[in-house]
């Protein structure tokens, strides 16, 4: 469950902006669009859904873009090599902001516990990182790091952050300046941080355009295909059936390319498969026409791509963000 997201100095966003899922004062739509965050003491009543609206170039997309960056950086920063750029995009219309760190913080619930996790980073280094947990409604600071000088950090570990003897020092020493401690510790088999890491990796869906392949994979299972078809019919797209066909990747490659590939790579390609989605439209006198999903309108393809994450969210309690 998402409680709150804050971002500062990111693309068109200079000053801190906060997206809050906390119910405001009043009881409008309380029965339909709010719920109690059961099991997490001290967490207020939350919204089920939220919409940001405003003029073009007002920064709406950059809120979602910032959440996508935070997700990807948490999941993948441990793989960065020494000297790799972090990829932050600061506000460029102010000289002081251009050299200042970008800041990100997420408050969320994972496995019944509320967490407050964030970091600040420039293009080359993490300047600050922190994690606070609220397992019993009261804050426990598990760790924090603050850049002091060069690649030197001031580290603090709370008494509630556990580990085998020497583990904390190993995790600390293994964390590069351009990587997050959270990501690094997970790679080194930290167990306590797994709920936080897995929340970012599996519970936060930011729709970016490649979800069609995920929805296609769900269509290989009859129960999901039925749900997806129901979803498409509800959108009044005149689709009566969805069919899935599997084909080999190697079949799409020209013969002259297959001849020059080494045997190992060729065997891997021969083993790989892709899914083709066909839509069926039925007309009067029982006439049916089959379309490849690529032949459908952009709007239909968009609805199809959204279906998988949407159903996953309803089934497993994920958060879905759509621009």
Protein backbone atom coordinates (compact mmCIF):
# COMPACT_ATOMS: atom_id res chain seq x y z
CA UNK A 1 0.00 0.00 0.00
CA UNK A 2 1.26 3.44 -0.90
CA UNK A 3 0.91 6.14 1.75
CA UNK A 4 2.97 9.02 0.36
CA UNK A 5 5.61 9.87 -2.22
CA UNK A 6 7.76 13.01 -2.24
CA UNK A 7 10.22 14.29 -4.83
CA UNK A 8 12.41 17.36 -5.10
CA UNK A 9 14.66 18.73 -7.85
CA UNK A 10 13.60 16.31 -10.58
CA UNK A 11 13.11 17.41 -14.20
CA UNK A 12 10.45 20.17 -14.14
CA UNK A 13 9.99 19.85 -10.35
CA UNK A 14 12.20 22.24 -8.38
CA UNK A 15 10.60 22.44 -4.93
CA UNK A 16 9.39 19.41 -3.02
CA UNK A 17 6.11 17.96 -4.28
CA UNK A 18 4.15 15.31 -2.37
CA UNK A 19 1.61 12.80 -3.61
CA UNK A 20 -0.43 11.67 -0.60
CA UNK A 21 -2.87 8.77 -0.44
CA UNK A 22 -4.04 9.84 3.03
CA UNK A 23 -7.74 10.64 3.29
CA UNK A 24 -8.39 14.39 3.61
CA UNK A 25 -10.84 15.90 6.09
CA UNK A 26 -14.47 15.16 5.38
CA UNK A 27 -16.21 11.94 4.39
CA UNK A 28 -16.90 12.44 0.69
CA UNK A 29 -16.63 9.08 -1.13
CA UNK A 30 -15.42 7.54 2.13
CA UNK A 31 -17.35 4.30 1.65
CA UNK A 32 -16.23 3.78 -1.96
CA UNK A 33 -12.70 5.17 -2.17
CA UNK A 34 -11.08 4.85 1.28
CA UNK A 35 -10.06 1.96 3.51
CA UNK A 36 -8.39 1.19 6.82
CA UNK A 37 -4.78 0.02 6.55
CA UNK A 38 -5.27 -3.01 8.73
CA UNK A 39 -2.37 -4.25 10.83
CA UNK A 40 -0.19 -1.14 10.55
CA UNK A 41 -0.55 0.86 13.76
CA UNK A 42 -0.59 4.62 13.38
CA UNK A 43 -1.37 4.55 9.65
CA UNK A 44 -4.29 6.84 8.72
CA UNK A 45 -7.20 5.90 6.48
CA UNK A 46 -6.00 5.69 2.86
CA UNK A 47 -7.44 6.32 -0.58
CA UNK A 48 -8.01 3.46 -3.02
CA UNK A 49 -7.39 5.68 -6.04
CA UNK A 50 -6.20 9.16 -6.87
CA UNK A 51 -6.05 11.34 -9.99
CA UNK A 52 -3.70 14.21 -10.78
CA UNK A 53 -5.02 16.66 -13.35
CA UNK A 54 -3.83 20.00 -14.70
CA UNK A 55 -2.56 21.89 -17.70
CA UNK A 56 -0.03 20.56 -20.19
CA UNK A 57 3.61 20.92 -19.05
CA UNK A 58 2.48 21.29 -15.44
CA UNK A 59 4.63 18.37 -14.28
CA UNK A 60 2.04 15.59 -13.91
CA UNK A 61 4.04 13.04 -15.88
CA UNK A 62 7.20 13.88 -13.97
CA UNK A 63 5.64 12.75 -10.68
CA UNK A 64 5.09 9.30 -12.17
CA UNK A 65 8.46 9.43 -13.93
CA UNK A 66 10.15 10.12 -10.60
CA UNK A 67 8.45 7.10 -9.02
CA UNK A 68 9.59 4.95 -11.93
CA UNK A 69 13.17 6.14 -11.48
CA UNK A 70 13.07 5.41 -7.75
CA UNK A 71 11.72 1.90 -8.38
CA UNK A 72 14.40 1.08 -10.97
CA UNK A 73 17.21 2.54 -8.89
CA UNK A 74 16.21 0.61 -5.77
CA UNK A 75 15.95 -2.63 -7.74
CA UNK A 76 19.09 -2.22 -9.86
CA UNK A 77 21.58 0.16 -8.26
CA UNK A 78 23.71 -2.67 -6.82
CA UNK A 79 24.63 -3.66 -10.38
CA UNK A 80 26.19 -0.29 -11.16
CA UNK A 81 29.93 -0.31 -11.72
CA UNK A 82 32.38 2.23 -10.36
CA UNK A 83 31.95 5.49 -12.26
CA UNK A 84 28.52 4.68 -13.73
CA UNK A 85 26.16 7.64 -13.76
CA UNK A 86 23.12 7.37 -11.49
CA UNK A 87 20.73 8.94 -13.98
CA UNK A 88 19.09 11.70 -11.94
CA UNK A 89 17.68 14.61 -13.93
CA UNK A 90 17.73 17.79 -11.84
CA UNK A 91 15.77 20.99 -12.48
CA UNK A 92 17.82 22.85 -15.11
CA UNK A 93 16.27 26.33 -14.99
CA UNK A 94 18.09 27.26 -11.78
CA UNK A 95 21.89 27.10 -11.53
CA UNK A 96 21.83 26.14 -7.85
CA UNK A 97 19.33 23.32 -8.44
CA UNK A 98 21.38 21.96 -11.36
CA UNK A 99 24.23 20.99 -9.03
CA UNK A 100 22.06 20.09 -6.02
CA UNK A 101 20.97 16.49 -5.35
CA UNK A 102 17.58 15.16 -6.38
CA UNK A 103 15.56 13.76 -3.47
CA UNK A 104 13.05 10.90 -3.34
CA UNK A 105 11.09 9.45 -0.41
CA UNK A 106 8.40 6.76 -0.29
CA UNK A 107 6.15 5.90 2.66
CA UNK A 108 4.40 2.57 2.20
CA UNK A 109 3.12 -0.57 3.88
CA UNK A 110 4.77 -3.92 3.28
CA UNK A 111 3.77 -7.12 5.08
CA UNK A 112 1.80 -5.15 7.66
CA UNK A 113 4.61 -2.72 8.54
CA UNK A 114 4.86 0.95 7.55
CA UNK A 115 8.22 2.08 6.18
CA UNK A 116 9.68 5.48 5.33
CA UNK A 117 12.55 5.12 2.87
CA UNK A 118 14.36 7.75 0.85
CA UNK A 119 17.59 8.99 -0.65
CA UNK A 120 19.18 12.06 -2.23
CA UNK A 121 21.62 11.72 -5.12
CA UNK A 122 23.57 13.65 -7.71
CA UNK A 123 24.54 12.21 -11.08
CA UNK A 124 27.62 10.53 -9.56
CA UNK A 125 26.92 9.72 -5.93
CA UNK A 126 24.31 9.09 -3.27
CA UNK A 127 24.45 12.03 -0.87
CA UNK A 128 22.04 10.68 1.73
CA UNK A 129 19.97 7.55 2.38
CA UNK A 130 17.66 6.64 5.24
CA UNK A 131 15.14 4.03 6.40
CA UNK A 132 12.64 4.33 9.25
CA UNK A 133 10.29 1.48 10.20
CA UNK A 134 7.08 1.64 12.25
CA UNK A 135 6.44 -2.00 13.21
CA UNK A 136 4.42 -1.02 16.29
CA UNK A 137 3.35 2.46 15.27
CA UNK A 138 6.47 4.11 16.73
CA UNK A 139 9.50 5.08 14.60
CA UNK A 140 12.62 2.92 14.54
CA UNK A 141 15.51 4.34 12.53
CA UNK A 142 17.15 1.28 11.02
CA UNK A 143 19.96 2.98 9.14
CA UNK A 144 21.15 6.23 7.61
CA UNK A 145 24.16 7.39 5.62
CA UNK A 146 25.29 10.94 5.00
CA UNK A 147 28.04 12.05 2.63
CA UNK A 148 30.77 13.80 4.57
CA UNK A 149 33.71 14.31 2.22
CA UNK A 150 34.69 12.72 -1.08
CA UNK A 151 33.59 9.07 -0.96
CA UNK A 152 33.40 9.14 2.85
CA UNK A 153 30.07 8.66 4.63
CA UNK A 154 28.82 8.98 8.17
CA UNK A 155 26.85 5.83 8.94
CA UNK A 156 24.35 5.13 11.70
CA UNK A 157 22.65 1.79 12.40
CA UNK A 158 19.77 1.55 14.86
CA UNK A 159 19.53 -1.19 17.46
CA UNK A 160 16.52 -2.69 15.67
CA UNK A 161 18.53 -3.23 12.47
CA UNK A 162 20.00 -6.69 12.97
CA UNK A 163 22.59 -8.87 11.29
CA UNK A 164 25.27 -11.43 11.97
CA UNK A 165 28.53 -10.24 13.47
CA UNK A 166 30.40 -8.30 10.83
CA UNK A 167 27.46 -8.26 8.38
CA UNK A 168 26.66 -4.56 8.77
CA UNK A 169 30.30 -3.66 8.15
CA UNK A 170 30.38 -5.89 5.06
CA UNK A 171 27.19 -4.33 3.66
CA UNK A 172 28.52 -0.86 4.41
CA UNK A 173 31.94 -1.46 2.88
CA UNK A 174 30.40 -3.04 -0.23
CA UNK A 175 28.12 -0.09 -0.97
CA UNK A 176 29.56 2.04 -3.77
CA UNK A 177 29.04 5.79 -3.84
CA UNK A 178 26.73 5.43 -6.85
CA UNK A 179 24.65 2.61 -5.32
CA UNK A 180 22.07 2.32 -2.56
CA UNK A 181 22.81 0.53 0.71
CA UNK A 182 19.36 -1.09 0.53
CA UNK A 183 20.08 -2.63 -2.88
CA UNK A 184 23.60 -3.70 -1.94
CA UNK A 185 22.60 -5.34 1.35
CA UNK A 186 19.87 -7.32 -0.44
CA UNK A 187 22.43 -8.63 -2.95
CA UNK A 188 24.54 -9.77 0.03
CA UNK A 189 21.63 -11.76 1.46
CA UNK A 190 20.21 -9.34 4.01
CA UNK A 191 16.90 -10.83 5.18
CA UNK A 192 15.46 -7.93 7.18
CA UNK A 193 15.27 -5.57 4.19
CA UNK A 194 13.60 -8.06 1.83
CA UNK A 195 10.01 -6.82 2.40
CA UNK A 196 11.09 -3.29 1.42
CA UNK A 197 13.04 -4.37 -1.65
CA UNK A 198 10.30 -6.73 -2.85
CA UNK A 199 7.66 -4.02 -2.41
CA UNK A 200 9.52 -1.84 -4.91
CA UNK A 201 10.23 -4.76 -7.23
CA UNK A 202 6.84 -6.50 -7.29
CA UNK A 203 4.16 -4.24 -5.82
CA UNK A 204 4.80 -0.97 -7.64
CA UNK A 205 3.58 -1.02 -11.27
CA UNK A 206 4.46 2.08 -13.26
CA UNK A 207 2.92 1.73 -16.71
CA UNK A 208 5.58 2.59 -19.25
CA UNK A 209 4.58 0.92 -22.53
CA UNK A 210 6.07 -2.61 -22.38
CA UNK A 211 3.21 -4.17 -20.41
CA UNK A 212 1.67 -5.73 -23.54
CA UNK A 213 4.05 -8.69 -23.30
CA UNK A 214 3.07 -9.22 -19.66
CA UNK A 215 -0.64 -9.18 -20.51
CA UNK A 216 0.09 -11.57 -23.37
CA UNK A 217 1.75 -14.02 -20.96
CA UNK A 218 -1.35 -13.95 -18.76
CA UNK A 219 -3.48 -14.81 -21.79
CA UNK A 220 -1.82 -18.25 -21.92
CA UNK A 221 -3.83 -19.12 -18.79
CA UNK A 222 -7.54 -19.64 -19.40
CA UNK A 223 -8.76 -17.93 -16.23
CA UNK A 224 -6.75 -14.79 -16.92
CA UNK A 225 -7.66 -14.77 -20.60
CA UNK A 226 -11.35 -14.76 -19.60
CA UNK A 227 -10.79 -11.81 -17.25
CA UNK A 228 -8.84 -9.88 -19.89
CA UNK A 229 -11.56 -10.51 -22.49
CA UNK A 230 -14.20 -9.29 -20.04
CA UNK A 231 -12.14 -6.15 -19.49
CA UNK A 232 -11.82 -5.52 -23.25
CA UNK A 233 -15.55 -6.08 -23.77
CA UNK A 234 -16.36 -3.62 -20.99
CA UNK A 235 -14.37 -1.02 -22.93
CA UNK A 236 -16.76 -1.60 -25.89
CA UNK A 237 -13.99 -2.54 -28.32
CA UNK A 238 -16.10 -5.10 -30.26
CA UNK A 239 -13.63 -7.89 -29.44
CA UNK A 240 -15.36 -11.26 -29.03
CA UNK A 241 -12.36 -13.48 -28.39
CA UNK A 242 -8.64 -13.35 -27.63
CA UNK A 243 -6.39 -16.10 -29.00
CA UNK A 244 -2.76 -16.84 -28.15
CA UNK A 245 -0.27 -18.35 -30.58
CA UNK A 246 3.31 -19.34 -29.78
CA UNK A 247 6.05 -19.15 -32.39
CA UNK A 248 9.82 -19.63 -32.39
CA UNK A 249 12.05 -16.55 -32.51
CA UNK A 250 14.40 -18.27 -34.98
CA UNK A 251 11.59 -18.48 -37.51
CA UNK A 252 11.68 -14.69 -37.92
CA UNK A 253 15.39 -14.56 -38.74
CA UNK A 254 16.68 -14.59 -42.33
CA UNK A 255 18.60 -17.67 -43.50
CA UNK A 256 21.85 -15.78 -44.10
CA UNK A 257 21.86 -14.65 -40.46
CA UNK A 258 21.19 -18.14 -39.15
CA UNK A 259 24.18 -19.41 -41.16
CA UNK A 260 26.68 -17.06 -39.48
CA UNK A 261 25.51 -17.50 -35.89
CA UNK A 262 27.62 -19.74 -33.70
CA UNK A 263 26.00 -22.99 -32.63
CA UNK A 264 25.53 -22.00 -28.95
CA UNK A 265 23.71 -18.78 -29.79
CA UNK A 266 21.69 -20.50 -32.47
CA UNK A 267 20.49 -23.18 -30.04
CA UNK A 268 19.46 -20.46 -27.57
CA UNK A 269 17.51 -18.65 -30.27
CA UNK A 270 15.81 -21.85 -31.37
CA UNK A 271 14.64 -22.43 -27.80
CA UNK A 272 13.16 -18.95 -27.40
CA UNK A 273 9.49 -18.33 -28.09
CA UNK A 274 7.29 -15.27 -28.47
CA UNK A 275 3.56 -14.92 -28.06
CA UNK A 276 1.28 -13.60 -30.79
CA UNK A 277 -2.06 -12.23 -29.66
CA UNK A 278 -4.98 -12.42 -32.07
CA UNK A 279 -8.29 -10.64 -31.57
CA UNK A 280 -11.51 -11.98 -33.06
CA UNK A 281 -14.28 -9.66 -34.26
CA UNK A 282 -17.62 -11.25 -35.20
CA UNK A 283 -20.15 -9.64 -37.49
CA UNK A 284 -23.57 -10.44 -38.97
CA UNK A 285 -24.15 -13.84 -40.61
CA UNK A 286 -21.51 -15.32 -38.30
CA UNK A 287 -18.61 -13.73 -40.16
CA UNK A 288 -15.40 -13.53 -38.11
CA UNK A 289 -12.24 -11.51 -38.72
CA UNK A 290 -8.94 -12.18 -36.95
CA UNK A 291 -6.56 -9.30 -36.26
CA UNK A 292 -3.05 -9.29 -34.94
CA UNK A 293 -2.84 -7.07 -31.87
CA UNK A 294 -0.41 -4.90 -33.88
CA UNK A 295 -3.23 -4.21 -36.35
CA UNK A 296 -5.55 -2.93 -33.65
CA UNK A 297 -5.82 0.78 -32.89
CA UNK A 298 -3.37 2.44 -30.51
CA UNK A 299 -6.20 2.81 -28.02
CA UNK A 300 -7.06 -0.89 -28.12
CA UNK A 301 -3.40 -1.83 -27.74
CA UNK A 302 -3.18 0.52 -24.76
CA UNK A 303 -6.24 -1.02 -23.12
CA UNK A 304 -4.79 -4.48 -23.67
CA UNK A 305 -1.43 -3.49 -22.16
CA UNK A 306 -3.19 -2.08 -19.09
CA UNK A 307 -5.27 -5.20 -18.54
CA UNK A 308 -2.48 -7.40 -17.13
CA UNK A 309 -1.18 -4.97 -14.48
CA UNK A 310 -4.77 -3.97 -13.65
CA UNK A 311 -5.87 -7.54 -12.97
CA UNK A 312 -2.62 -8.23 -11.10
CA UNK A 313 -3.30 -5.22 -8.89
CA UNK A 314 -6.85 -6.28 -8.06
CA UNK A 315 -5.75 -9.85 -7.33
CA UNK A 316 -2.55 -9.23 -5.36
CA UNK A 317 -2.92 -5.71 -4.00
CA UNK A 318 -0.33 -3.98 -6.17
CA UNK A 319 -0.14 -0.25 -6.86
CA UNK A 320 -0.67 0.77 -10.49
CA UNK A 321 0.33 4.21 -11.82
CA UNK A 322 -0.85 5.22 -15.27
CA UNK A 323 -0.03 8.39 -17.20
